N, C-alpha and C. Protein backbone atom coordinates (compact mmCIF):
# COMPACT_ATOMS: atom_id res chain seq x y z
N MET A 1 0.85 -1.29 0.15
CA MET A 1 -0.02 -0.15 -0.05
C MET A 1 0.84 1.38 -0.12
N PHE A 2 0.38 1.93 -0.86
CA PHE A 2 1.43 3.30 -1.13
C PHE A 2 0.64 4.53 -0.41
N PHE A 3 1.42 5.32 0.15
CA PHE A 3 0.75 6.60 0.84
C PHE A 3 1.06 7.90 -0.03
N ASP A 4 0.28 8.62 -0.10
CA ASP A 4 0.54 9.90 -1.04
C ASP A 4 0.79 11.27 0.34
N MET A 5 2.13 11.45 0.44
CA MET A 5 2.06 12.56 1.88
C MET A 5 2.38 13.66 0.82
N SER A 6 1.31 14.62 0.89
CA SER A 6 1.25 15.73 0.53
C SER A 6 2.07 16.65 1.11
N SER A 7 2.49 18.02 0.63
CA SER A 7 2.71 19.17 1.74
C SER A 7 1.97 19.18 2.67
N GLY A 8 0.43 19.12 2.74
CA GLY A 8 -0.29 19.59 3.62
C GLY A 8 -0.39 18.52 4.78
N MET A 9 -0.30 17.23 4.26
CA MET A 9 -0.30 16.28 5.59
C MET A 9 1.42 16.30 6.39
N ILE A 10 2.48 16.60 5.71
CA ILE A 10 3.34 17.07 6.40
C ILE A 10 3.59 18.11 7.09
N ARG A 11 3.04 18.82 7.09
CA ARG A 11 2.58 19.99 8.02
C ARG A 11 1.70 19.98 9.09
N GLY A 12 0.49 19.26 8.52
CA GLY A 12 -0.33 18.82 9.48
C GLY A 12 0.68 18.06 10.72
N LEU A 13 1.18 16.78 10.30
CA LEU A 13 1.95 15.89 11.27
C LEU A 13 3.44 16.90 12.03
N GLY A 14 3.70 17.92 11.36
CA GLY A 14 4.46 18.72 12.26
C GLY A 14 3.93 19.49 13.28
N THR A 15 2.63 19.89 12.89
CA THR A 15 1.98 20.49 13.81
C THR A 15 2.00 19.78 15.14
N VAL A 16 1.45 18.90 14.61
CA VAL A 16 0.93 17.65 15.99
C VAL A 16 2.22 17.52 16.80
N VAL A 17 3.22 16.84 16.22
CA VAL A 17 4.37 16.90 16.84
C VAL A 17 5.00 18.40 17.35
N VAL A 18 4.72 19.52 16.94
CA VAL A 18 5.12 20.48 17.84
C VAL A 18 4.11 21.01 19.03
N PHE A 19 2.67 20.48 19.27
CA PHE A 19 1.77 20.73 19.88
C PHE A 19 1.79 19.56 20.97
N VAL A 20 2.15 18.34 20.58
CA VAL A 20 2.81 17.32 21.55
C VAL A 20 3.90 17.98 22.26
N ALA A 21 5.07 18.15 21.76
CA ALA A 21 6.12 18.63 22.64
C ALA A 21 5.65 20.05 23.47
N PHE A 22 4.78 21.17 23.09
CA PHE A 22 4.36 21.91 23.80
C PHE A 22 3.66 21.38 25.23
N VAL A 23 2.75 20.66 24.82
CA VAL A 23 2.27 20.10 26.08
C VAL A 23 2.53 19.53 27.09
N GLY A 24 3.90 18.59 26.26
CA GLY A 24 4.74 18.18 27.60
C GLY A 24 5.44 19.07 28.08
N LEU A 25 6.18 19.96 27.56
CA LEU A 25 7.17 20.85 28.21
C LEU A 25 6.16 21.67 29.37
N ALA A 26 4.71 21.96 28.85
CA ALA A 26 4.22 22.47 29.95
C ALA A 26 3.60 22.04 31.35
N LEU A 27 3.74 20.33 31.30
CA LEU A 27 3.32 19.48 32.15
C LEU A 27 4.39 19.44 32.76
N TRP A 28 5.82 19.68 32.22
CA TRP A 28 7.04 19.14 33.07
C TRP A 28 7.53 20.36 34.09
N VAL A 29 6.88 22.11 33.24
CA VAL A 29 7.04 23.13 34.10
C VAL A 29 6.36 23.14 34.88
N PHE A 30 4.62 23.08 35.19
CA PHE A 30 4.00 23.36 36.03
C PHE A 30 3.46 21.96 37.01
N ASN A 31 4.74 21.37 36.86
CA ASN A 31 4.65 20.00 37.49
C ASN A 31 5.30 20.29 39.29
N SER A 32 4.08 19.98 40.35
CA SER A 32 4.51 20.35 41.60
C SER A 32 5.61 19.76 42.38
N LYS A 33 5.74 18.61 41.69
CA LYS A 33 7.15 17.97 41.96
C LYS A 33 8.58 19.00 42.09
N ARG A 34 8.74 19.57 41.00
CA ARG A 34 9.77 20.22 40.52
C ARG A 34 10.01 21.72 41.12
N SER A 35 8.94 22.04 41.94
CA SER A 35 8.78 23.24 42.52
C SER A 35 10.39 24.03 43.49
N PRO A 36 10.46 23.06 44.01
CA PRO A 36 11.83 23.63 44.59
C PRO A 36 13.03 23.68 44.09
N GLU A 37 13.14 22.83 42.56
CA GLU A 37 13.99 23.14 41.74
C GLU A 37 14.11 24.42 41.30
N PHE A 38 12.74 24.39 40.77
CA PHE A 38 12.75 26.06 39.94
C PHE A 38 12.62 27.19 41.05
N ALA A 39 12.21 26.93 42.37
CA ALA A 39 12.20 27.89 43.47
C ALA A 39 14.16 28.24 43.70
N GLU A 40 14.49 27.67 43.44
CA GLU A 40 16.35 27.51 43.89
C GLU A 40 16.51 28.14 42.41
N ALA A 41 16.47 27.87 41.28
CA ALA A 41 16.79 28.13 39.88
C ALA A 41 16.55 29.80 39.72
N ARG A 42 15.27 30.30 40.27
CA ARG A 42 14.82 31.14 40.57
C ARG A 42 15.62 32.65 41.29
N LEU A 43 16.27 31.99 42.09
CA LEU A 43 17.16 32.71 42.86
C LEU A 43 18.77 32.87 42.46
N LEU A 44 18.66 32.01 41.58
CA LEU A 44 20.46 32.10 40.88
C LEU A 44 20.93 33.68 40.83
N PRO A 45 20.19 34.02 39.95
CA PRO A 45 20.77 35.64 39.53
C PRO A 45 21.11 36.54 40.93
N PHE A 46 20.51 36.26 41.98
CA PHE A 46 20.76 37.06 43.17
C PHE A 46 21.81 36.53 43.91
N ALA A 47 22.78 35.15 43.28
CA ALA A 47 23.02 34.46 44.67
C ALA A 47 24.63 35.46 44.87
N ASP A 48 25.43 35.22 45.82
CA ASP A 48 26.18 35.85 46.14
C ASP A 48 27.66 35.42 45.78
N GLU A 49 28.51 36.55 44.82
CA GLU A 49 29.34 35.73 44.46
C GLU A 49 30.36 35.76 45.63
N PRO A 50 31.91 34.65 45.24
CA PRO A 50 32.29 34.55 46.31
C PRO A 50 33.23 35.88 46.51
N LEU A 51 33.44 35.75 47.82
CA LEU A 51 34.70 37.10 48.11
C LEU A 51 35.68 37.31 47.31
N PRO A 52 36.72 38.21 47.18
CA PRO A 52 37.96 38.04 46.97
C PRO A 52 38.63 37.74 47.62
N ASP A 53 40.70 37.38 47.15
CA ASP A 53 41.01 37.36 48.86
C ASP A 53 40.99 38.81 49.47
N ASP A 54 41.24 39.97 48.90
CA ASP A 54 41.51 41.15 49.28
C ASP A 54 40.31 41.94 50.08
N ALA A 55 39.37 40.97 50.28
CA ALA A 55 38.08 41.51 50.80
C ALA A 55 37.80 41.95 52.37
N THR A 56 39.29 41.93 52.94
CA THR A 56 39.11 42.28 54.23
C THR A 56 39.08 44.05 54.49
N GLN A 57 39.40 44.76 53.17
CA GLN A 57 39.10 45.93 52.89
C GLN A 57 37.72 46.56 53.24
N GLU A 58 37.45 47.64 53.83
CA GLU A 58 36.49 48.26 53.48
C GLU A 58 35.98 48.87 52.21
N PRO A 59 34.71 48.58 52.10
CA PRO A 59 34.33 48.96 50.50
C PRO A 59 34.73 50.39 50.40
N GLU A 60 34.54 51.07 49.49
CA GLU A 60 34.86 52.92 49.13
C GLU A 60 33.41 52.83 49.02
N THR A 61 33.21 54.36 49.94
CA THR A 61 31.47 54.89 49.52
C THR A 61 31.63 55.97 48.69
N ARG A 62 30.41 55.99 48.29
CA ARG A 62 30.41 57.35 47.13
C ARG A 62 30.58 58.74 47.76
N SER A 63 31.10 59.79 47.27
CA SER A 63 31.11 60.79 48.02
C SER A 63 29.50 61.76 47.21
N THR A 64 29.35 62.30 48.52
CA THR A 64 28.16 62.92 48.56
C THR A 64 28.56 64.56 48.18
N ARG A 65 29.44 64.90 48.08
CA ARG A 65 29.89 66.21 47.49
C ARG A 65 29.56 66.17 45.88
N PRO A 66 28.92 67.69 45.82
CA PRO A 66 28.55 67.92 44.21
C PRO A 66 29.56 68.08 43.74
């Protein structure tokens, strides 16, 4: 049996594949088991960087003079 794959059929199958991937990703992201991982990752931009070796000095302050 020979199937005639038209461009419309290929586009339709591509749409179904992308939709299934989207639904799978949405379920993975909103899974409550992953909440602690995402809570930790959400705070990564605010994590303190390690202090350099010469961190014993006082931090320089800005002058308030005009």
